N, C-alpha and C. Protein backbone atom coordinates (compact mmCIF):
# COMPACT_ATOMS: atom_id res chain seq x y z
N MET A 1 -10.91 64.03 -88.30
CA MET A 1 -10.20 63.08 -89.12
C MET A 1 -9.15 62.39 -88.26
N ASN A 2 -9.22 61.08 -88.24
CA ASN A 2 -8.26 60.30 -87.46
C ASN A 2 -7.00 60.05 -88.27
N LYS A 3 -5.88 60.15 -87.59
CA LYS A 3 -4.59 59.84 -88.23
C LYS A 3 -4.07 58.53 -87.65
N ILE A 4 -3.57 57.69 -88.50
CA ILE A 4 -2.96 56.44 -88.06
C ILE A 4 -1.45 56.60 -88.19
N PHE A 5 -0.77 56.30 -87.10
CA PHE A 5 0.69 56.42 -87.08
C PHE A 5 1.28 55.02 -86.97
N LEU A 6 2.14 54.69 -87.87
CA LEU A 6 2.77 53.37 -87.87
C LEU A 6 4.28 53.56 -88.00
N ALA A 7 5.01 52.95 -87.12
CA ALA A 7 6.48 53.01 -87.18
C ALA A 7 6.99 51.60 -87.40
N LEU A 8 7.88 51.46 -88.33
CA LEU A 8 8.48 50.16 -88.64
C LEU A 8 9.98 50.26 -88.38
N LEU A 9 10.48 49.33 -87.60
CA LEU A 9 11.90 49.31 -87.29
C LEU A 9 12.53 48.12 -88.01
N LEU A 10 13.53 48.40 -88.80
CA LEU A 10 14.27 47.36 -89.51
C LEU A 10 15.70 47.40 -89.02
N THR A 11 16.19 46.28 -88.55
CA THR A 11 17.55 46.20 -88.04
C THR A 11 18.38 45.31 -88.95
N ILE A 12 19.52 45.80 -89.35
CA ILE A 12 20.45 45.02 -90.17
C ILE A 12 21.77 44.95 -89.42
N SER A 13 22.22 43.74 -89.16
CA SER A 13 23.51 43.57 -88.49
C SER A 13 24.60 43.45 -89.53
N ILE A 14 25.72 44.10 -89.27
CA ILE A 14 26.85 44.08 -90.18
C ILE A 14 28.06 43.57 -89.42
N GLN A 15 28.78 42.65 -90.03
CA GLN A 15 30.02 42.16 -89.42
C GLN A 15 31.08 42.12 -90.51
N THR A 16 32.16 42.82 -90.29
CA THR A 16 33.24 42.79 -91.27
C THR A 16 34.51 42.34 -90.57
N ILE A 17 35.30 41.60 -91.28
CA ILE A 17 36.60 41.19 -90.77
C ILE A 17 37.65 41.69 -91.74
N GLN A 18 38.54 42.51 -91.27
CA GLN A 18 39.57 43.03 -92.15
C GLN A 18 40.68 42.01 -92.31
N ALA A 19 41.61 42.30 -93.18
CA ALA A 19 42.65 41.34 -93.55
C ALA A 19 43.39 40.80 -92.34
N GLN A 20 43.64 39.50 -92.38
CA GLN A 20 44.41 38.83 -91.36
C GLN A 20 45.66 38.28 -92.02
N ARG A 21 46.80 38.44 -91.36
CA ARG A 21 48.05 37.94 -91.93
C ARG A 21 48.39 36.60 -91.31
N LEU A 22 48.88 35.68 -92.12
CA LEU A 22 49.42 34.42 -91.64
C LEU A 22 50.93 34.55 -91.71
N MET A 23 51.60 34.34 -90.59
CA MET A 23 53.04 34.58 -90.56
C MET A 23 53.79 33.36 -90.06
N GLY A 24 55.01 33.20 -90.54
CA GLY A 24 55.89 32.15 -90.07
C GLY A 24 56.46 32.52 -88.72
N SER A 25 57.20 31.58 -88.11
CA SER A 25 57.71 31.83 -86.76
C SER A 25 58.69 33.00 -86.69
N ASN A 26 59.26 33.39 -87.85
CA ASN A 26 60.15 34.56 -87.88
C ASN A 26 59.37 35.83 -88.22
N ARG A 27 58.04 35.72 -88.15
CA ARG A 27 57.12 36.83 -88.42
C ARG A 27 57.15 37.32 -89.87
N SER A 28 57.67 36.53 -90.80
CA SER A 28 57.53 36.90 -92.21
C SER A 28 56.14 36.49 -92.67
N THR A 29 55.52 37.33 -93.46
CA THR A 29 54.16 37.05 -93.92
C THR A 29 54.16 35.92 -94.94
N VAL A 30 53.38 34.88 -94.65
CA VAL A 30 53.30 33.75 -95.57
C VAL A 30 51.95 33.68 -96.26
N GLY A 31 51.01 34.49 -95.83
CA GLY A 31 49.71 34.49 -96.50
C GLY A 31 48.73 35.42 -95.81
N TYR A 32 47.50 35.43 -96.30
CA TYR A 32 46.46 36.30 -95.79
C TYR A 32 45.12 35.57 -95.78
N ILE A 33 44.25 35.99 -94.89
CA ILE A 33 42.84 35.61 -94.95
C ILE A 33 42.07 36.92 -95.00
N GLU A 34 41.30 37.10 -96.06
CA GLU A 34 40.61 38.38 -96.25
C GLU A 34 39.33 38.14 -97.02
N ASN A 35 38.21 38.61 -96.45
CA ASN A 35 36.91 38.49 -97.08
C ASN A 35 36.61 37.06 -97.53
N GLY A 36 36.97 36.10 -96.68
CA GLY A 36 36.67 34.71 -96.99
C GLY A 36 37.65 34.04 -97.92
N ARG A 37 38.67 34.76 -98.37
CA ARG A 37 39.66 34.16 -99.27
C ARG A 37 40.94 33.86 -98.51
N VAL A 38 41.54 32.73 -98.80
CA VAL A 38 42.85 32.38 -98.27
C VAL A 38 43.85 32.66 -99.38
N MET A 39 44.83 33.52 -99.11
CA MET A 39 45.74 33.97 -100.16
C MET A 39 47.18 33.72 -99.77
N SER A 40 48.01 33.53 -100.78
CA SER A 40 49.44 33.40 -100.55
C SER A 40 50.02 34.78 -100.23
N SER A 41 51.30 34.84 -99.95
CA SER A 41 51.91 36.13 -99.61
C SER A 41 51.85 37.13 -100.75
N SER A 42 51.72 36.62 -101.99
CA SER A 42 51.59 37.52 -103.13
C SER A 42 50.13 37.88 -103.40
N ARG A 43 49.26 37.47 -102.47
CA ARG A 43 47.82 37.74 -102.53
C ARG A 43 47.10 37.03 -103.68
N SER A 44 47.69 35.96 -104.20
CA SER A 44 46.94 35.14 -105.15
C SER A 44 46.06 34.19 -104.34
N THR A 45 44.84 33.99 -104.79
CA THR A 45 43.88 33.19 -104.04
C THR A 45 44.23 31.72 -104.13
N ILE A 46 44.39 31.09 -102.98
CA ILE A 46 44.69 29.65 -102.96
C ILE A 46 43.54 28.87 -102.32
N GLY A 47 42.54 29.56 -101.79
CA GLY A 47 41.40 28.87 -101.22
C GLY A 47 40.39 29.85 -100.67
N TYR A 48 39.33 29.31 -100.09
CA TYR A 48 38.24 30.13 -99.56
C TYR A 48 37.75 29.56 -98.24
N ILE A 49 37.23 30.42 -97.41
CA ILE A 49 36.48 30.03 -96.22
C ILE A 49 35.13 30.71 -96.35
N ASP A 50 34.06 29.92 -96.42
CA ASP A 50 32.74 30.49 -96.69
C ASP A 50 31.69 29.70 -95.92
N ASP A 51 31.03 30.36 -95.00
CA ASP A 51 29.91 29.78 -94.28
C ASP A 51 30.27 28.43 -93.66
N GLY A 52 31.44 28.36 -93.02
CA GLY A 52 31.85 27.15 -92.35
C GLY A 52 32.52 26.12 -93.24
N ARG A 53 32.61 26.42 -94.54
CA ARG A 53 33.27 25.49 -95.47
C ARG A 53 34.67 25.97 -95.79
N VAL A 54 35.60 25.06 -95.90
CA VAL A 54 36.96 25.35 -96.33
C VAL A 54 37.09 24.81 -97.75
N MET A 55 37.44 25.67 -98.69
CA MET A 55 37.45 25.29 -100.10
C MET A 55 38.80 25.58 -100.74
N ASN A 56 39.15 24.81 -101.76
CA ASN A 56 40.36 25.11 -102.51
C ASN A 56 40.06 26.22 -103.52
N SER A 57 41.04 26.56 -104.34
CA SER A 57 40.88 27.72 -105.23
C SER A 57 39.80 27.52 -106.28
N SER A 58 39.47 26.28 -106.60
CA SER A 58 38.39 26.03 -107.57
C SER A 58 37.04 25.88 -106.86
N ARG A 59 37.00 26.21 -105.58
CA ARG A 59 35.80 26.20 -104.74
C ARG A 59 35.23 24.80 -104.50
N SER A 60 36.07 23.77 -104.62
CA SER A 60 35.66 22.44 -104.19
C SER A 60 35.82 22.38 -102.68
N THR A 61 34.84 21.86 -101.98
CA THR A 61 34.90 21.81 -100.52
C THR A 61 35.89 20.74 -100.08
N ILE A 62 36.85 21.16 -99.26
CA ILE A 62 37.85 20.22 -98.76
C ILE A 62 37.71 20.02 -97.26
N GLY A 63 36.83 20.77 -96.60
CA GLY A 63 36.63 20.59 -95.18
C GLY A 63 35.63 21.58 -94.63
N TYR A 64 35.40 21.47 -93.33
CA TYR A 64 34.42 22.32 -92.66
C TYR A 64 34.95 22.76 -91.30
N ILE A 65 34.50 23.91 -90.86
CA ILE A 65 34.72 24.37 -89.50
C ILE A 65 33.34 24.69 -88.96
N ASN A 66 32.92 23.97 -87.90
CA ASN A 66 31.57 24.15 -87.41
C ASN A 66 31.51 23.87 -85.92
N ASP A 67 31.04 24.87 -85.16
CA ASP A 67 30.85 24.68 -83.72
C ASP A 67 32.11 24.18 -83.02
N GLY A 68 33.27 24.72 -83.39
CA GLY A 68 34.51 24.32 -82.75
C GLY A 68 35.11 23.04 -83.27
N ARG A 69 34.44 22.41 -84.25
CA ARG A 69 34.96 21.17 -84.82
C ARG A 69 35.60 21.43 -86.17
N VAL A 70 36.70 20.78 -86.44
CA VAL A 70 37.36 20.82 -87.74
C VAL A 70 37.07 19.48 -88.42
N MET A 71 36.44 19.52 -89.59
CA MET A 71 36.01 18.30 -90.26
C MET A 71 36.58 18.21 -91.66
N ASN A 72 36.76 17.00 -92.15
CA ASN A 72 37.18 16.81 -93.54
C ASN A 72 35.97 16.93 -94.45
N SER A 73 36.18 16.72 -95.76
CA SER A 73 35.10 16.97 -96.72
C SER A 73 33.91 16.03 -96.54
N SER A 74 34.13 14.86 -95.92
CA SER A 74 33.01 13.95 -95.67
C SER A 74 32.40 14.18 -94.29
N ARG A 75 32.76 15.27 -93.66
CA ARG A 75 32.25 15.72 -92.36
C ARG A 75 32.64 14.81 -91.20
N ALA A 76 33.72 14.03 -91.36
CA ALA A 76 34.27 13.29 -90.23
C ALA A 76 35.10 14.27 -89.40
N THR A 77 34.93 14.28 -88.10
CA THR A 77 35.66 15.20 -87.24
C THR A 77 37.12 14.78 -87.15
N ILE A 78 37.99 15.71 -87.51
CA ILE A 78 39.43 15.42 -87.45
C ILE A 78 40.11 16.24 -86.37
N GLY A 79 39.39 17.14 -85.74
CA GLY A 79 39.97 17.93 -84.66
C GLY A 79 38.99 18.94 -84.10
N TYR A 80 39.45 19.69 -83.13
CA TYR A 80 38.61 20.67 -82.45
C TYR A 80 39.41 21.94 -82.19
N ILE A 81 38.71 23.04 -82.13
CA ILE A 81 39.26 24.31 -81.66
C ILE A 81 38.36 24.73 -80.51
N ASP A 82 38.92 24.81 -79.30
CA ASP A 82 38.09 25.07 -78.14
C ASP A 82 38.87 25.90 -77.13
N ASP A 83 38.38 27.09 -76.87
CA ASP A 83 38.93 27.95 -75.83
C ASP A 83 40.44 28.14 -75.98
N GLY A 84 40.88 28.40 -77.22
CA GLY A 84 42.29 28.66 -77.48
C GLY A 84 43.14 27.43 -77.65
N ARG A 85 42.55 26.24 -77.50
CA ARG A 85 43.31 25.01 -77.67
C ARG A 85 42.97 24.36 -79.02
N VAL A 86 43.98 23.80 -79.65
CA VAL A 86 43.80 23.04 -80.88
C VAL A 86 43.97 21.57 -80.49
N MET A 87 42.94 20.77 -80.76
CA MET A 87 42.95 19.38 -80.32
C MET A 87 42.74 18.43 -81.49
N ASN A 88 43.28 17.22 -81.38
CA ASN A 88 43.02 16.21 -82.40
C ASN A 88 41.65 15.58 -82.15
N SER A 89 41.28 14.59 -82.95
CA SER A 89 39.93 14.04 -82.86
C SER A 89 39.65 13.34 -81.54
N SER A 90 40.68 12.90 -80.82
CA SER A 90 40.47 12.29 -79.51
C SER A 90 40.57 13.32 -78.38
N ARG A 91 40.58 14.58 -78.74
CA ARG A 91 40.61 15.72 -77.82
C ARG A 91 41.90 15.84 -77.01
N SER A 92 42.98 15.27 -77.52
CA SER A 92 44.29 15.53 -76.92
C SER A 92 44.77 16.88 -77.45
N THR A 93 45.28 17.72 -76.58
CA THR A 93 45.74 19.06 -76.98
C THR A 93 47.03 18.93 -77.79
N ILE A 94 46.99 19.45 -79.02
CA ILE A 94 48.17 19.41 -79.87
C ILE A 94 48.75 20.80 -80.10
N GLY A 95 48.04 21.82 -79.65
CA GLY A 95 48.55 23.17 -79.81
C GLY A 95 47.61 24.20 -79.21
N TYR A 96 47.99 25.45 -79.35
CA TYR A 96 47.22 26.55 -78.79
C TYR A 96 47.18 27.72 -79.77
N ILE A 97 46.15 28.51 -79.67
CA ILE A 97 46.07 29.80 -80.35
C ILE A 97 45.91 30.82 -79.24
N GLU A 98 46.87 31.71 -79.11
CA GLU A 98 46.89 32.60 -77.96
C GLU A 98 47.52 33.93 -78.33
N ASP A 99 46.78 35.01 -78.13
CA ASP A 99 47.29 36.37 -78.38
C ASP A 99 47.95 36.50 -79.75
N GLY A 100 47.32 35.92 -80.78
CA GLY A 100 47.85 36.02 -82.13
C GLY A 100 48.97 35.06 -82.43
N ARG A 101 49.36 34.22 -81.46
CA ARG A 101 50.44 33.26 -81.69
C ARG A 101 49.86 31.86 -81.85
N VAL A 102 50.47 31.07 -82.71
CA VAL A 102 50.15 29.66 -82.86
C VAL A 102 51.26 28.89 -82.15
N LEU A 103 50.91 28.10 -81.12
CA LEU A 103 51.90 27.41 -80.31
C LEU A 103 51.70 25.90 -80.41
N ASN A 104 52.78 25.14 -80.26
CA ASN A 104 52.64 23.69 -80.20
C ASN A 104 52.23 23.29 -78.79
N SER A 105 52.12 21.98 -78.54
CA SER A 105 51.59 21.54 -77.25
C SER A 105 52.48 21.91 -76.07
N SER A 106 53.77 22.15 -76.32
CA SER A 106 54.65 22.59 -75.23
C SER A 106 54.75 24.11 -75.16
N ARG A 107 53.86 24.76 -75.87
CA ARG A 107 53.73 26.23 -75.90
C ARG A 107 54.91 26.94 -76.55
N SER A 108 55.67 26.26 -77.40
CA SER A 108 56.68 26.95 -78.21
C SER A 108 55.97 27.59 -79.39
N THR A 109 56.37 28.79 -79.74
CA THR A 109 55.71 29.51 -80.82
C THR A 109 56.09 28.91 -82.17
N LEU A 110 55.05 28.51 -82.92
CA LEU A 110 55.25 27.98 -84.27
C LEU A 110 55.05 29.07 -85.31
N GLY A 111 54.18 30.01 -85.02
CA GLY A 111 53.88 31.06 -85.98
C GLY A 111 52.93 32.07 -85.36
N TYR A 112 52.43 32.96 -86.17
CA TYR A 112 51.59 34.04 -85.68
C TYR A 112 50.36 34.20 -86.55
N PHE A 113 49.31 34.67 -85.97
CA PHE A 113 48.06 34.94 -86.68
C PHE A 113 47.65 36.32 -86.22
N GLU A 114 47.95 37.33 -87.03
CA GLU A 114 47.85 38.71 -86.57
C GLU A 114 46.98 39.56 -87.48
N GLY A 115 46.72 40.73 -86.99
CA GLY A 115 46.01 41.72 -87.79
C GLY A 115 44.52 41.51 -87.80
N VAL A 116 44.01 40.70 -86.88
CA VAL A 116 42.58 40.46 -86.83
C VAL A 116 41.90 41.69 -86.27
N ARG A 117 40.96 42.18 -87.00
CA ARG A 117 40.20 43.31 -86.52
C ARG A 117 38.75 43.07 -86.88
N ARG A 118 37.95 42.77 -85.91
CA ARG A 118 36.55 42.46 -86.15
C ARG A 118 35.72 43.70 -85.79
N ILE A 119 34.83 44.04 -86.66
CA ILE A 119 33.97 45.20 -86.43
C ILE A 119 32.53 44.72 -86.47
N ASP A 120 31.83 44.88 -85.37
CA ASP A 120 30.43 44.53 -85.33
C ASP A 120 29.62 45.81 -85.23
N ALA A 121 28.57 45.89 -86.01
CA ALA A 121 27.74 47.08 -85.98
C ALA A 121 26.31 46.70 -86.30
N ALA A 122 25.41 47.54 -85.94
CA ALA A 122 24.00 47.34 -86.30
C ALA A 122 23.48 48.64 -86.86
N LEU A 123 22.79 48.56 -87.96
CA LEU A 123 22.17 49.73 -88.57
C LEU A 123 20.68 49.68 -88.27
N PHE A 124 20.12 50.79 -87.87
CA PHE A 124 18.70 50.85 -87.56
C PHE A 124 18.04 51.81 -88.55
N PHE A 125 16.99 51.35 -89.19
CA PHE A 125 16.25 52.18 -90.12
C PHE A 125 14.83 52.33 -89.59
N PHE A 126 14.35 53.56 -89.50
CA PHE A 126 12.99 53.80 -89.07
C PHE A 126 12.19 54.32 -90.26
N PHE A 127 11.04 53.72 -90.48
CA PHE A 127 10.15 54.17 -91.53
C PHE A 127 8.85 54.62 -90.86
N PHE A 128 8.43 55.82 -91.18
CA PHE A 128 7.22 56.37 -90.58
C PHE A 128 6.17 56.55 -91.65
N PHE A 129 4.97 56.09 -91.34
CA PHE A 129 3.85 56.21 -92.29
C PHE A 129 2.69 56.91 -91.59
N TYR A 130 2.05 57.82 -92.30
CA TYR A 130 0.84 58.48 -91.80
C TYR A 130 -0.32 58.05 -92.64
């Protein structure tokens, strides 16, 4: 009697981002970004970030973030985020994002973006059939 052995590998990638705090230049917390929601310091939802779309609290799309470009709701490019630099639509550097700090073009600290913790994982499931 012949036995047929079949192995099936299913891979599921998981990416979670834990709460991120938005802080003023004096490091007081002014809001949060968590699970795609933009929240005030009291954690009331004031907007969403979902699949490259930036939305207000009623989930109307007010802009997009895609491939380093920041776009308004009609998808006109209004700026760029590239290699830690924040640029306007003509690619003049207007600020920086560096080590959790938000800086203006002269590198003075305007505020902080902290608490980012990204966890990437892959789950592997093996199914064996005889």
